[in-house]
Protein backbone atom coordinates (compact mmCIF):
# COMPACT_ATOMS: atom_id res chain seq x y z
CA UNK A 1 28.42 -47.58 1.23
CA UNK A 2 29.85 -47.53 4.74
CA UNK A 3 31.26 -44.17 4.18
CA UNK A 4 27.67 -42.67 3.75
CA UNK A 5 26.35 -44.47 6.92
CA UNK A 6 29.24 -42.80 8.90
CA UNK A 7 28.23 -39.26 7.88
CA UNK A 8 24.49 -39.80 8.62
CA UNK A 9 25.36 -41.03 12.27
CA UNK A 10 27.55 -37.78 12.93
CA UNK A 11 25.16 -35.31 11.16
CA UNK A 12 23.87 -32.41 13.26
CA UNK A 13 20.33 -31.71 13.90
CA UNK A 14 18.58 -29.09 11.60
CA UNK A 15 18.82 -25.67 13.05
CA UNK A 16 15.75 -24.47 15.21
CA UNK A 17 14.42 -21.16 15.52
CA UNK A 18 14.76 -19.66 19.16
CA UNK A 19 11.50 -18.86 21.16
CA UNK A 20 9.94 -15.38 20.60
CA UNK A 21 10.80 -13.04 23.55
CA UNK A 22 8.10 -10.67 24.61
CA UNK A 23 10.25 -7.78 23.21
CA UNK A 24 10.16 -9.25 19.74
CA UNK A 25 6.56 -9.76 19.95
CA UNK A 26 6.03 -6.25 20.97
CA UNK A 27 8.32 -5.00 18.17
CA UNK A 28 6.42 -7.15 15.68
CA UNK A 29 2.93 -5.83 16.79
CA UNK A 30 4.05 -2.27 16.83
CA UNK A 31 5.22 -2.97 13.33
CA UNK A 32 1.93 -4.14 12.35
CA UNK A 33 0.21 -1.11 13.50
CA UNK A 34 2.73 1.11 11.81
CA UNK A 35 2.29 -0.74 8.62
CA UNK A 36 -1.54 -0.49 9.10
CA UNK A 37 -1.44 3.09 9.42
CA UNK A 38 1.06 3.73 6.73
CA UNK A 39 -1.48 1.92 4.20
CA UNK A 40 -4.43 4.13 5.19
CA UNK A 41 -2.23 7.24 4.82
CA UNK A 42 -1.11 5.97 1.22
CA UNK A 43 -4.81 5.11 0.17
CA UNK A 44 -5.92 8.53 1.38
CA UNK A 45 -3.07 10.19 -0.82
CA UNK A 46 -4.07 8.11 -3.85
CA UNK A 47 -7.89 8.82 -3.69
CA UNK A 48 -6.98 12.60 -3.11
CA UNK A 49 -4.41 12.52 -6.08
CA UNK A 50 -7.19 10.81 -8.23
CA UNK A 51 -9.82 13.32 -7.27
CA UNK A 52 -7.47 16.14 -7.99
CA UNK A 53 -6.79 14.93 -11.48
CA UNK A 54 -10.39 14.49 -12.13
CA UNK A 55 -10.86 17.96 -11.44
CA UNK A 56 -7.85 19.11 -13.61
CA UNK A 57 -9.27 17.29 -16.46
CA UNK A 58 -12.71 18.62 -15.96
CA UNK A 59 -11.56 22.24 -15.73
CA UNK A 60 -9.34 21.87 -18.73
CA UNK A 61 -12.04 20.34 -20.86
CA UNK A 62 -14.39 23.05 -19.97
CA UNK A 63 -11.78 25.67 -20.72
CA UNK A 64 -10.82 24.03 -24.03
CA UNK A 65 -14.56 23.81 -25.12
CA UNK A 66 -15.14 27.40 -24.02
CA UNK A 67 -17.04 28.61 -20.92
CA UNK A 68 -19.93 30.10 -23.49
CA UNK A 69 -20.56 26.54 -24.85
CA UNK A 70 -20.34 24.93 -21.33
CA UNK A 71 -22.67 27.51 -19.59
CA UNK A 72 -24.70 28.94 -22.49
CA UNK A 73 -26.79 31.83 -21.70
CA UNK A 74 -29.63 31.29 -19.50
CA UNK A 75 -28.33 28.11 -17.97
CA UNK A 76 -29.13 28.91 -14.39
CA UNK A 77 -32.95 29.57 -15.11
CA UNK A 78 -35.19 26.79 -14.76
């Protein structure tokens, strides 16, 4: 019992984080802006890829069905 009391008396305080410096705060904000721009770019790329995939599937389906069946004679007339 007296051995554990001695250890508690001499135990160091838990470590604390240092204060944030202005340079660190600027870097953190810059990284947040970079991440935001990167997410926008990635979202645009995903949307473009999905649109391209839809167009390729549409053209492939039309080619497989045959253009004469998709655009039958006189389709442009009202």
